[in-house]
Amino acid sequence: MRLPVAVSVVLIPVTSVIAREQDQTISVGPWTIATSFKAEKFDGCTMSRSANDLDIKFARSNDGLRLFLDSSKWKLERGKAYDVTLVAGARSVQAKALAEGRSVTIALSDRPLSERVRTANILQVRGEGATLKVPLDGSTAALERLESCFERNSHADVESNPFVAPSRKP
């Protein structure tokens, strides 16, 4: 009799962790919005998708908005900063793509460009060797959800009840 009770007591926290993990992603059109944590502390929100052999992720954190691009075909020089031109609609800006093996990170610090990303169909990332076309269909609603995810969760760190887990939904 004690064994079933002990097993059920052990499984309750595990199932609640699994349920909480499942609540942390949502689909908005072709995009998946998710919350990210480091050591159980809110780190930011992401929206991601794959298209044309390219994994695309926008991340919103305290550092602002960043774009991550990843391809299994790439062989990049780790730590190198590649010059790129970002083009969304009529807006273009110079940026740096920081390499990590098969991926790059690009800070989207230009506010007018970030606004164009919301309404454009494609974000072009022009490098010396090629132009990558990042599809932005559905990005208006997805970026709104990304921003609301960040706002809601970044303010959730204020403890109002230490005995109840905070709601961590994208």
N, C-alpha and C. Protein backbone atom coordinates (compact mmCIF):
# COMPACT_ATOMS: atom_id res chain seq x y z
N MET A 1 0.82 -1.20 0.00
CA MET A 1 0.00 0.00 0.00
C MET A 1 0.86 1.25 0.00
N ARG A 2 1.98 1.22 0.71
CA ARG A 2 2.83 2.40 0.78
C ARG A 2 3.54 2.66 -0.54
N LEU A 3 3.89 1.63 -1.30
CA LEU A 3 4.61 1.80 -2.56
C LEU A 3 3.80 2.60 -3.58
N PRO A 4 2.53 2.31 -3.83
CA PRO A 4 1.76 3.13 -4.78
C PRO A 4 1.66 4.60 -4.36
N VAL A 5 1.52 4.84 -3.06
CA VAL A 5 1.44 6.21 -2.57
C VAL A 5 2.77 6.92 -2.79
N ALA A 6 3.87 6.25 -2.49
CA ALA A 6 5.20 6.84 -2.68
C ALA A 6 5.46 7.14 -4.15
N VAL A 7 5.09 6.23 -5.03
CA VAL A 7 5.29 6.44 -6.47
C VAL A 7 4.45 7.62 -6.95
N SER A 8 3.20 7.72 -6.51
CA SER A 8 2.35 8.82 -6.95
C SER A 8 2.87 10.16 -6.42
N VAL A 9 3.42 10.18 -5.22
CA VAL A 9 3.98 11.41 -4.68
C VAL A 9 5.20 11.85 -5.49
N VAL A 10 6.01 10.90 -5.92
CA VAL A 10 7.19 11.21 -6.73
C VAL A 10 6.78 11.69 -8.12
N LEU A 11 5.73 11.11 -8.71
CA LEU A 11 5.32 11.45 -10.07
C LEU A 11 4.62 12.80 -10.17
N ILE A 12 4.00 13.27 -9.13
CA ILE A 12 3.28 14.54 -9.19
C ILE A 12 4.18 15.69 -9.60
N PRO A 13 5.36 15.90 -8.97
CA PRO A 13 6.23 16.99 -9.42
C PRO A 13 6.72 16.80 -10.85
N VAL A 14 6.98 15.57 -11.26
CA VAL A 14 7.47 15.32 -12.62
C VAL A 14 6.41 15.69 -13.64
N THR A 15 5.17 15.30 -13.40
CA THR A 15 4.12 15.62 -14.36
C THR A 15 3.84 17.11 -14.40
N SER A 16 3.96 17.80 -13.27
CA SER A 16 3.73 19.24 -13.30
C SER A 16 4.84 19.95 -14.06
N VAL A 17 6.08 19.45 -13.98
CA VAL A 17 7.18 20.03 -14.76
C VAL A 17 6.94 19.79 -16.25
N ILE A 18 6.50 18.59 -16.61
CA ILE A 18 6.22 18.29 -18.01
C ILE A 18 5.10 19.18 -18.52
N ALA A 19 4.06 19.35 -17.74
CA ALA A 19 2.94 20.21 -18.15
C ALA A 19 3.40 21.65 -18.31
N ARG A 20 4.26 22.11 -17.41
CA ARG A 20 4.75 23.48 -17.50
C ARG A 20 5.59 23.66 -18.76
N GLU A 21 6.42 22.67 -19.10
CA GLU A 21 7.23 22.75 -20.31
C GLU A 21 6.35 22.81 -21.56
N GLN A 22 5.27 22.05 -21.57
CA GLN A 22 4.38 22.06 -22.73
C GLN A 22 3.65 23.38 -22.87
N ASP A 23 3.40 24.08 -21.77
CA ASP A 23 2.71 25.37 -21.81
C ASP A 23 3.62 26.48 -22.32
N GLN A 24 4.89 26.22 -22.52
CA GLN A 24 5.84 27.27 -22.85
C GLN A 24 6.02 27.49 -24.34
N THR A 25 5.26 26.82 -25.19
CA THR A 25 5.33 27.07 -26.63
C THR A 25 3.92 27.22 -27.20
N ILE A 26 3.84 28.02 -28.26
CA ILE A 26 2.57 28.23 -28.95
C ILE A 26 2.88 28.52 -30.41
N SER A 27 2.01 28.11 -31.31
CA SER A 27 2.19 28.38 -32.73
C SER A 27 1.38 29.60 -33.14
N VAL A 28 2.01 30.46 -33.91
CA VAL A 28 1.35 31.63 -34.50
C VAL A 28 1.70 31.60 -35.98
N GLY A 29 0.76 31.12 -36.80
CA GLY A 29 1.05 30.92 -38.22
C GLY A 29 2.19 29.91 -38.35
N PRO A 30 3.20 30.20 -39.18
CA PRO A 30 4.32 29.27 -39.35
C PRO A 30 5.36 29.37 -38.24
N TRP A 31 5.17 30.27 -37.30
CA TRP A 31 6.15 30.53 -36.25
C TRP A 31 5.79 29.80 -34.96
N THR A 32 6.80 29.39 -34.21
CA THR A 32 6.63 28.82 -32.88
C THR A 32 7.20 29.80 -31.87
N ILE A 33 6.37 30.25 -30.94
CA ILE A 33 6.78 31.18 -29.91
C ILE A 33 7.06 30.37 -28.64
N ALA A 34 8.19 30.65 -27.99
CA ALA A 34 8.55 29.90 -26.78
C ALA A 34 9.24 30.82 -25.78
N THR A 35 9.13 30.45 -24.51
CA THR A 35 9.86 31.14 -23.47
C THR A 35 11.16 30.38 -23.24
N SER A 36 12.22 31.08 -22.85
CA SER A 36 13.48 30.40 -22.55
C SER A 36 13.94 30.79 -21.15
N PHE A 37 14.54 29.82 -20.49
CA PHE A 37 14.97 30.00 -19.11
C PHE A 37 16.40 29.52 -18.95
N LYS A 38 17.11 30.15 -18.03
CA LYS A 38 18.44 29.70 -17.62
C LYS A 38 18.39 29.55 -16.11
N ALA A 39 18.67 28.35 -15.64
CA ALA A 39 18.64 28.05 -14.21
C ALA A 39 17.32 28.48 -13.58
N GLU A 40 16.21 28.10 -14.22
CA GLU A 40 14.85 28.40 -13.74
C GLU A 40 14.52 29.89 -13.69
N LYS A 41 15.36 30.72 -14.30
CA LYS A 41 15.09 32.16 -14.33
C LYS A 41 14.78 32.56 -15.77
N PHE A 42 13.77 33.38 -15.96
CA PHE A 42 13.35 33.82 -17.28
C PHE A 42 14.51 34.50 -18.00
N ASP A 43 14.76 34.08 -19.25
CA ASP A 43 15.86 34.63 -20.04
C ASP A 43 15.37 35.42 -21.25
N GLY A 44 14.20 35.07 -21.79
CA GLY A 44 13.66 35.77 -22.95
C GLY A 44 12.63 34.91 -23.66
N CYS A 45 12.20 35.40 -24.82
CA CYS A 45 11.23 34.68 -25.64
C CYS A 45 11.78 34.56 -27.06
N THR A 46 11.41 33.48 -27.73
CA THR A 46 11.88 33.25 -29.09
C THR A 46 10.71 32.95 -30.01
N MET A 47 10.91 33.26 -31.29
CA MET A 47 9.98 32.80 -32.32
C MET A 47 10.84 32.16 -33.40
N SER A 48 10.46 30.98 -33.84
CA SER A 48 11.31 30.25 -34.76
C SER A 48 10.51 29.50 -35.81
N ARG A 49 11.22 29.16 -36.87
CA ARG A 49 10.67 28.35 -37.97
C ARG A 49 11.82 27.89 -38.83
N SER A 50 11.55 26.98 -39.73
CA SER A 50 12.53 26.52 -40.72
C SER A 50 11.99 26.78 -42.11
N ALA A 51 12.89 27.13 -43.03
CA ALA A 51 12.50 27.35 -44.42
C ALA A 51 13.74 27.29 -45.29
N ASN A 52 13.64 26.60 -46.41
CA ASN A 52 14.73 26.54 -47.39
C ASN A 52 16.07 26.16 -46.78
N ASP A 53 16.10 25.07 -46.02
CA ASP A 53 17.33 24.57 -45.41
C ASP A 53 17.95 25.56 -44.42
N LEU A 54 17.12 26.42 -43.85
CA LEU A 54 17.58 27.46 -42.94
C LEU A 54 16.70 27.45 -41.69
N ASP A 55 17.33 27.34 -40.52
CA ASP A 55 16.61 27.46 -39.26
C ASP A 55 16.68 28.92 -38.85
N ILE A 56 15.52 29.52 -38.58
CA ILE A 56 15.40 30.95 -38.32
C ILE A 56 14.83 31.13 -36.92
N LYS A 57 15.47 32.01 -36.14
CA LYS A 57 14.96 32.29 -34.81
C LYS A 57 15.18 33.76 -34.48
N PHE A 58 14.11 34.42 -34.05
CA PHE A 58 14.19 35.76 -33.50
C PHE A 58 14.12 35.60 -31.99
N ALA A 59 14.98 36.28 -31.26
CA ALA A 59 14.98 36.20 -29.80
C ALA A 59 14.82 37.60 -29.21
N ARG A 60 13.91 37.72 -28.25
CA ARG A 60 13.70 38.99 -27.55
C ARG A 60 14.13 38.80 -26.11
N SER A 61 15.10 39.60 -25.68
CA SER A 61 15.60 39.55 -24.31
C SER A 61 15.85 40.97 -23.83
N ASN A 62 16.45 41.09 -22.67
CA ASN A 62 16.80 42.43 -22.16
C ASN A 62 17.77 43.14 -23.09
N ASP A 63 18.51 42.39 -23.90
CA ASP A 63 19.47 42.97 -24.85
C ASP A 63 18.80 43.45 -26.13
N GLY A 64 17.50 43.26 -26.28
CA GLY A 64 16.79 43.66 -27.49
C GLY A 64 16.44 42.48 -28.37
N LEU A 65 16.27 42.74 -29.66
CA LEU A 65 15.88 41.72 -30.63
C LEU A 65 17.11 41.24 -31.39
N ARG A 66 17.26 39.92 -31.49
CA ARG A 66 18.36 39.32 -32.25
C ARG A 66 17.80 38.28 -33.21
N LEU A 67 18.52 38.10 -34.32
CA LEU A 67 18.18 37.11 -35.32
C LEU A 67 19.26 36.04 -35.32
N PHE A 68 18.85 34.78 -35.26
CA PHE A 68 19.77 33.64 -35.33
C PHE A 68 19.45 32.87 -36.61
N LEU A 69 20.45 32.60 -37.42
CA LEU A 69 20.29 31.80 -38.63
C LEU A 69 21.24 30.62 -38.54
N ASP A 70 20.75 29.44 -38.93
CA ASP A 70 21.53 28.22 -38.81
C ASP A 70 21.29 27.36 -40.04
N SER A 71 22.36 26.79 -40.58
CA SER A 71 22.23 25.87 -41.70
C SER A 71 23.25 24.75 -41.57
N SER A 72 22.81 23.53 -41.81
CA SER A 72 23.72 22.39 -41.74
C SER A 72 24.76 22.43 -42.86
N LYS A 73 24.53 23.23 -43.88
CA LYS A 73 25.45 23.34 -45.01
C LYS A 73 26.62 24.30 -44.75
N TRP A 74 26.48 25.14 -43.74
CA TRP A 74 27.50 26.16 -43.50
C TRP A 74 28.70 25.62 -42.75
N LYS A 75 29.86 26.17 -43.08
CA LYS A 75 31.10 25.94 -42.35
C LYS A 75 31.71 27.31 -42.13
N LEU A 76 31.39 27.90 -40.99
CA LEU A 76 31.78 29.27 -40.70
C LEU A 76 32.98 29.30 -39.75
N GLU A 77 33.68 30.41 -39.79
CA GLU A 77 34.83 30.60 -38.91
C GLU A 77 34.32 31.10 -37.57
N ARG A 78 34.40 30.22 -36.55
CA ARG A 78 33.88 30.54 -35.21
C ARG A 78 34.51 31.82 -34.67
N GLY A 79 33.65 32.71 -34.18
CA GLY A 79 34.11 33.96 -33.58
C GLY A 79 34.28 35.10 -34.58
N LYS A 80 34.19 34.81 -35.86
CA LYS A 80 34.35 35.86 -36.87
C LYS A 80 33.07 36.67 -37.00
N ALA A 81 33.24 37.97 -37.27
CA ALA A 81 32.10 38.86 -37.49
C ALA A 81 32.05 39.19 -38.98
N TYR A 82 31.03 38.70 -39.65
CA TYR A 82 30.86 38.94 -41.09
C TYR A 82 30.00 40.19 -41.30
N ASP A 83 30.40 41.04 -42.26
CA ASP A 83 29.60 42.20 -42.62
C ASP A 83 28.42 41.76 -43.46
N VAL A 84 27.23 42.23 -43.09
CA VAL A 84 26.01 41.92 -43.84
C VAL A 84 25.18 43.19 -43.98
N THR A 85 24.32 43.18 -44.98
CA THR A 85 23.32 44.22 -45.15
C THR A 85 21.96 43.58 -44.96
N LEU A 86 21.17 44.15 -44.07
CA LEU A 86 19.82 43.65 -43.82
C LEU A 86 18.85 44.54 -44.57
N VAL A 87 17.94 43.91 -45.34
CA VAL A 87 16.98 44.67 -46.14
C VAL A 87 15.58 44.13 -45.85
N ALA A 88 14.70 45.03 -45.39
CA ALA A 88 13.29 44.70 -45.17
C ALA A 88 12.48 45.85 -45.77
N GLY A 89 11.74 45.56 -46.82
CA GLY A 89 11.01 46.61 -47.52
C GLY A 89 11.99 47.62 -48.09
N ALA A 90 11.77 48.89 -47.83
CA ALA A 90 12.63 49.95 -48.35
C ALA A 90 13.78 50.28 -47.39
N ARG A 91 13.83 49.63 -46.24
CA ARG A 91 14.85 49.93 -45.23
C ARG A 91 16.02 48.96 -45.35
N SER A 92 17.25 49.50 -45.36
CA SER A 92 18.43 48.63 -45.32
C SER A 92 19.42 49.20 -44.33
N VAL A 93 20.09 48.30 -43.59
CA VAL A 93 21.09 48.71 -42.60
C VAL A 93 22.27 47.75 -42.66
N GLN A 94 23.42 48.27 -42.28
CA GLN A 94 24.62 47.45 -42.16
C GLN A 94 24.62 46.81 -40.78
N ALA A 95 25.09 45.56 -40.71
CA ALA A 95 25.13 44.85 -39.43
C ALA A 95 26.29 43.86 -39.45
N LYS A 96 26.51 43.24 -38.32
CA LYS A 96 27.52 42.20 -38.18
C LYS A 96 26.82 40.88 -37.87
N ALA A 97 27.25 39.82 -38.56
CA ALA A 97 26.76 38.48 -38.29
C ALA A 97 27.88 37.74 -37.56
N LEU A 98 27.68 37.44 -36.28
CA LEU A 98 28.68 36.78 -35.46
C LEU A 98 28.55 35.27 -35.62
N ALA A 99 29.64 34.64 -36.06
CA ALA A 99 29.61 33.22 -36.43
C ALA A 99 29.90 32.29 -35.26
N GLU A 100 29.22 31.14 -35.31
CA GLU A 100 29.43 30.02 -34.38
C GLU A 100 29.29 28.72 -35.15
N GLY A 101 30.29 28.30 -35.87
CA GLY A 101 30.26 27.02 -36.58
C GLY A 101 29.29 26.98 -37.74
N ARG A 102 28.04 26.64 -37.48
CA ARG A 102 27.02 26.55 -38.53
C ARG A 102 25.90 27.57 -38.35
N SER A 103 26.14 28.59 -37.51
CA SER A 103 25.09 29.58 -37.27
C SER A 103 25.69 30.97 -37.09
N VAL A 104 24.82 31.97 -37.27
CA VAL A 104 25.20 33.36 -37.03
C VAL A 104 24.14 34.02 -36.16
N THR A 105 24.58 35.05 -35.43
CA THR A 105 23.69 35.88 -34.62
C THR A 105 23.84 37.31 -35.10
N ILE A 106 22.70 37.96 -35.33
CA ILE A 106 22.70 39.34 -35.81
C ILE A 106 21.80 40.16 -34.88
N ALA A 107 22.37 41.19 -34.26
CA ALA A 107 21.58 42.09 -33.42
C ALA A 107 20.74 43.00 -34.32
N LEU A 108 19.45 43.10 -34.03
CA LEU A 108 18.55 43.97 -34.79
C LEU A 108 18.30 45.23 -33.96
N SER A 109 19.32 46.08 -33.89
CA SER A 109 19.25 47.25 -33.03
C SER A 109 18.63 48.47 -33.71
N ASP A 110 18.43 48.41 -35.02
CA ASP A 110 17.83 49.52 -35.75
C ASP A 110 16.30 49.43 -35.65
N ARG A 111 15.69 50.34 -34.88
CA ARG A 111 14.25 50.28 -34.65
C ARG A 111 13.42 50.37 -35.93
N PRO A 112 13.75 51.28 -36.88
CA PRO A 112 12.97 51.30 -38.12
C PRO A 112 13.05 49.97 -38.89
N LEU A 113 14.20 49.31 -38.86
CA LEU A 113 14.30 48.00 -39.52
C LEU A 113 13.41 46.99 -38.80
N SER A 114 13.45 46.99 -37.49
CA SER A 114 12.62 46.05 -36.72
C SER A 114 11.14 46.25 -37.03
N GLU A 115 10.73 47.49 -37.21
CA GLU A 115 9.33 47.77 -37.58
C GLU A 115 9.02 47.25 -38.98
N ARG A 116 9.96 47.37 -39.91
CA ARG A 116 9.76 46.86 -41.28
C ARG A 116 9.67 45.34 -41.29
N VAL A 117 10.42 44.69 -40.40
CA VAL A 117 10.38 43.22 -40.32
C VAL A 117 8.96 42.76 -39.99
N ARG A 118 8.22 43.56 -39.25
CA ARG A 118 6.84 43.21 -38.88
C ARG A 118 5.91 43.18 -40.09
N THR A 119 6.20 44.01 -41.10
CA THR A 119 5.27 44.14 -42.22
C THR A 119 5.81 43.62 -43.55
N ALA A 120 7.11 43.37 -43.65
CA ALA A 120 7.69 42.91 -44.90
C ALA A 120 7.40 41.42 -45.12
N ASN A 121 7.49 40.98 -46.37
CA ASN A 121 7.31 39.56 -46.69
C ASN A 121 8.61 38.78 -46.56
N ILE A 122 9.73 39.48 -46.77
CA ILE A 122 11.04 38.82 -46.74
C ILE A 122 12.06 39.76 -46.11
N LEU A 123 12.96 39.20 -45.31
CA LEU A 123 14.12 39.92 -44.81
C LEU A 123 15.31 39.36 -45.57
N GLN A 124 16.00 40.22 -46.30
CA GLN A 124 17.20 39.79 -47.02
C GLN A 124 18.41 40.02 -46.13
N VAL A 125 19.26 39.01 -46.06
CA VAL A 125 20.52 39.11 -45.35
C VAL A 125 21.59 38.95 -46.43
N ARG A 126 22.17 40.09 -46.83
CA ARG A 126 23.13 40.09 -47.92
C ARG A 126 24.56 40.02 -47.38
N GLY A 127 25.22 38.92 -47.72
CA GLY A 127 26.63 38.75 -47.37
C GLY A 127 27.46 38.88 -48.64
N GLU A 128 28.76 38.72 -48.50
CA GLU A 128 29.62 38.83 -49.68
C GLU A 128 29.39 37.70 -50.68
N GLY A 129 29.04 36.51 -50.19
CA GLY A 129 28.92 35.36 -51.07
C GLY A 129 27.52 35.03 -51.53
N ALA A 130 26.50 35.51 -50.82
CA ALA A 130 25.12 35.16 -51.16
C ALA A 130 24.14 36.06 -50.42
N THR A 131 22.91 36.04 -50.88
CA THR A 131 21.82 36.73 -50.20
C THR A 131 20.86 35.68 -49.67
N LEU A 132 20.66 35.68 -48.37
CA LEU A 132 19.71 34.77 -47.74
C LEU A 132 18.36 35.46 -47.67
N LYS A 133 17.32 34.73 -47.97
CA LYS A 133 15.97 35.28 -47.91
C LYS A 133 15.22 34.62 -46.76
N VAL A 134 14.97 35.41 -45.75
CA VAL A 134 14.26 34.94 -44.56
C VAL A 134 12.78 35.26 -44.74
N PRO A 135 11.93 34.23 -44.88
CA PRO A 135 10.50 34.49 -45.06
C PRO A 135 9.89 35.07 -43.79
N LEU A 136 9.05 36.08 -43.98
CA LEU A 136 8.44 36.76 -42.84
C LEU A 136 6.91 36.66 -42.83
N ASP A 137 6.34 35.74 -43.61
CA ASP A 137 4.89 35.59 -43.60
C ASP A 137 4.42 35.26 -42.18
N GLY A 138 3.40 35.96 -41.76
CA GLY A 138 2.87 35.75 -40.42
C GLY A 138 3.67 36.43 -39.32
N SER A 139 4.67 37.23 -39.69
CA SER A 139 5.54 37.81 -38.67
C SER A 139 4.88 38.93 -37.88
N THR A 140 3.88 39.59 -38.44
CA THR A 140 3.21 40.68 -37.71
C THR A 140 2.61 40.14 -36.42
N ALA A 141 1.78 39.12 -36.53
CA ALA A 141 1.14 38.54 -35.34
C ALA A 141 2.17 37.84 -34.45
N ALA A 142 3.13 37.16 -35.06
CA ALA A 142 4.14 36.43 -34.28
C ALA A 142 5.02 37.38 -33.48
N LEU A 143 5.45 38.48 -34.09
CA LEU A 143 6.29 39.45 -33.37
C LEU A 143 5.51 40.15 -32.26
N GLU A 144 4.22 40.39 -32.47
CA GLU A 144 3.39 40.95 -31.40
C GLU A 144 3.32 39.97 -30.23
N ARG A 145 3.14 38.70 -30.54
CA ARG A 145 3.08 37.67 -29.49
C ARG A 145 4.43 37.52 -28.79
N LEU A 146 5.52 37.63 -29.57
CA LEU A 146 6.87 37.56 -29.00
C LEU A 146 7.07 38.70 -27.99
N GLU A 147 6.69 39.90 -28.37
CA GLU A 147 6.85 41.06 -27.49
C GLU A 147 5.98 40.93 -26.24
N SER A 148 4.73 40.47 -26.41
CA SER A 148 3.87 40.32 -25.23
C SER A 148 4.39 39.20 -24.33
N CYS A 149 4.96 38.16 -24.91
CA CYS A 149 5.59 37.08 -24.13
C CYS A 149 6.71 37.66 -23.27
N PHE A 150 7.55 38.48 -23.88
CA PHE A 150 8.67 39.06 -23.16
C PHE A 150 8.18 39.98 -22.04
N GLU A 151 7.23 40.85 -22.35
CA GLU A 151 6.72 41.79 -21.34
C GLU A 151 6.08 41.04 -20.18
N ARG A 152 5.24 40.07 -20.47
CA ARG A 152 4.53 39.34 -19.42
C ARG A 152 5.50 38.57 -18.53
N ASN A 153 6.47 37.89 -19.14
CA ASN A 153 7.37 37.05 -18.35
C ASN A 153 8.49 37.83 -17.67
N SER A 154 8.90 38.95 -18.23
CA SER A 154 9.97 39.70 -17.59
C SER A 154 9.46 40.39 -16.32
N HIS A 155 8.17 40.63 -16.23
CA HIS A 155 7.59 41.21 -15.02
C HIS A 155 7.12 40.14 -14.05
N ALA A 156 7.14 38.88 -14.46
CA ALA A 156 6.67 37.79 -13.60
C ALA A 156 7.68 37.43 -12.53
N ASP A 157 8.90 37.97 -12.60
CA ASP A 157 9.92 37.65 -11.60
C ASP A 157 9.62 38.28 -10.24
N VAL A 158 8.72 39.25 -10.21
CA VAL A 158 8.34 39.86 -8.95
C VAL A 158 7.50 38.84 -8.18
N GLU A 159 8.00 38.45 -7.02
CA GLU A 159 7.31 37.42 -6.26
C GLU A 159 6.12 37.98 -5.50
N SER A 160 4.95 37.49 -5.85
CA SER A 160 3.76 37.88 -5.11
C SER A 160 3.31 36.75 -4.20
N ASN A 161 3.59 35.51 -4.60
CA ASN A 161 3.28 34.36 -3.77
C ASN A 161 4.39 33.33 -3.99
N PRO A 162 5.31 33.19 -3.04
CA PRO A 162 6.43 32.27 -3.23
C PRO A 162 6.05 30.80 -3.20
N PHE A 163 4.80 30.50 -2.89
CA PHE A 163 4.36 29.11 -2.79
C PHE A 163 3.65 28.61 -4.03
N VAL A 164 3.50 29.49 -5.04
CA VAL A 164 2.83 29.13 -6.29
C VAL A 164 3.78 29.42 -7.44
N ALA A 165 3.92 28.48 -8.36
CA ALA A 165 4.78 28.68 -9.52
C ALA A 165 4.20 29.77 -10.42
N PRO A 166 5.06 30.67 -10.91
CA PRO A 166 4.55 31.72 -11.80
C PRO A 166 4.08 31.13 -13.12
N SER A 167 3.13 31.81 -13.74
CA SER A 167 2.65 31.39 -15.05
C SER A 167 3.68 31.78 -16.09
N ARG A 168 4.17 30.82 -16.84
CA ARG A 168 5.22 31.06 -17.83
C ARG A 168 4.72 30.66 -19.21
N LYS A 169 3.88 31.46 -19.75
CA LYS A 169 3.31 31.13 -21.05
C LYS A 169 3.83 32.10 -22.11
N PRO A 170 4.02 31.58 -23.33
CA PRO A 170 4.44 32.47 -24.41
C PRO A 170 3.30 33.32 -24.79
